Amino acid sequence: MDDIQDLGQKLFADVNAVHALVEFQNVHPIYLGAKQLACCDVVDLVGNLWLSMFMAGWFSVVLVVAMFCYIKRLDELPRKR
């Protein structure tokens, strides 16, 4: 009978320990960190990545147009014999 009481007390202590771990003051900081990561940090990272790729794309377009203009001018030069 003592073993059953000891087991019941140990189980009760374990349940109380789990309850203490999931209380608001313990879980709320983790929740805020995950929320900030999802809504702020990841969105900023994706936005900055998109902006940098957009600017690199436009820079590439400008370089391609300049290259075509240069090739056109080279084609207009007289041929050497």
Protein backbone atom coordinates (compact mmCIF):
# COMPACT_ATOMS: atom_id res chain seq x y z
CA MET A 1 0.00 0.00 0.00
CA ASP A 2 2.91 2.34 0.68
CA ASP A 3 4.18 1.75 -2.84
CA ILE A 4 0.86 2.88 -4.29
CA GLN A 5 0.86 6.01 -2.11
CA ASP A 6 4.46 6.78 -3.08
CA LEU A 7 3.57 6.29 -6.72
CA GLY A 8 0.53 8.57 -6.34
CA GLN A 9 2.61 11.26 -4.64
CA LYS A 10 5.33 10.99 -7.31
CA LEU A 11 2.72 11.20 -10.05
CA PHE A 12 1.13 14.21 -8.35
CA ALA A 13 4.55 15.89 -8.04
CA ASP A 14 5.28 15.18 -11.72
CA VAL A 15 1.93 16.62 -12.80
CA ASN A 16 2.59 19.74 -10.71
CA ALA A 17 6.07 20.07 -12.27
CA VAL A 18 4.61 19.82 -15.79
CA HIS A 19 1.93 22.33 -14.86
CA ALA A 20 4.61 24.72 -13.60
CA LEU A 21 6.48 24.38 -16.90
CA VAL A 22 3.45 25.32 -19.01
CA GLU A 23 2.30 28.29 -16.95
CA PHE A 24 1.79 31.62 -18.71
CA GLN A 25 4.97 33.30 -17.48
CA ASN A 26 7.06 30.41 -18.80
CA VAL A 27 5.35 29.96 -22.17
CA HIS A 28 4.59 33.59 -23.07
CA PRO A 29 8.23 34.65 -23.78
CA ILE A 30 8.67 31.64 -26.07
CA TYR A 31 5.41 32.52 -27.85
CA LEU A 32 6.50 36.15 -28.31
CA GLY A 33 9.86 35.06 -29.70
CA ALA A 34 8.24 32.71 -32.20
CA LYS A 35 5.67 35.32 -33.18
CA GLN A 36 8.34 37.98 -33.72
CA LEU A 37 10.41 35.56 -35.80
CA ALA A 38 7.44 34.65 -37.99
CA CYS A 39 5.88 38.07 -38.48
CA CYS A 40 8.82 40.43 -38.36
CA ASP A 41 12.22 38.86 -38.90
CA VAL A 42 11.28 36.44 -41.70
CA VAL A 43 9.16 39.06 -43.49
CA ASP A 44 12.01 41.59 -43.32
CA LEU A 45 14.49 39.01 -44.58
CA VAL A 46 12.27 37.99 -47.51
CA GLY A 47 11.54 41.64 -48.33
CA ASN A 48 15.22 42.58 -48.33
CA LEU A 49 16.06 39.52 -50.42
CA TRP A 50 13.35 40.41 -52.95
CA LEU A 51 14.57 44.03 -53.13
CA SER A 52 18.18 43.01 -53.68
CA MET A 53 17.21 40.53 -56.42
CA PHE A 54 14.98 43.17 -58.04
CA MET A 55 17.81 45.72 -58.06
CA ALA A 56 20.29 43.14 -59.40
CA GLY A 57 17.82 42.28 -62.17
CA TRP A 58 17.43 45.90 -63.23
CA PHE A 59 21.19 46.38 -63.12
CA SER A 60 21.56 43.33 -65.36
CA VAL A 61 18.99 44.74 -67.81
CA VAL A 62 20.91 48.02 -67.99
CA LEU A 63 24.16 46.14 -68.61
CA VAL A 64 22.56 44.02 -71.36
CA VAL A 65 21.19 47.12 -73.12
CA ALA A 66 24.60 48.79 -72.86
CA MET A 67 26.24 45.63 -74.26
CA PHE A 68 23.85 45.55 -77.23
CA CYS A 69 24.56 49.23 -77.94
CA TYR A 70 28.29 48.52 -77.82
CA ILE A 71 27.96 45.50 -80.13
CA LYS A 72 25.87 47.59 -82.54
CA ARG A 73 28.59 50.25 -82.65
CA LEU A 74 31.21 47.55 -83.24
CA ASP A 75 29.13 46.20 -86.14
CA GLU A 76 29.04 49.66 -87.73
CA LEU A 77 32.84 49.94 -87.83
CA PRO A 78 34.43 49.38 -91.23
CA ARG A 79 35.94 45.93 -91.74
CA LYS A 80 39.69 45.56 -91.85
CA ARG A 81 41.15 43.67 -94.77
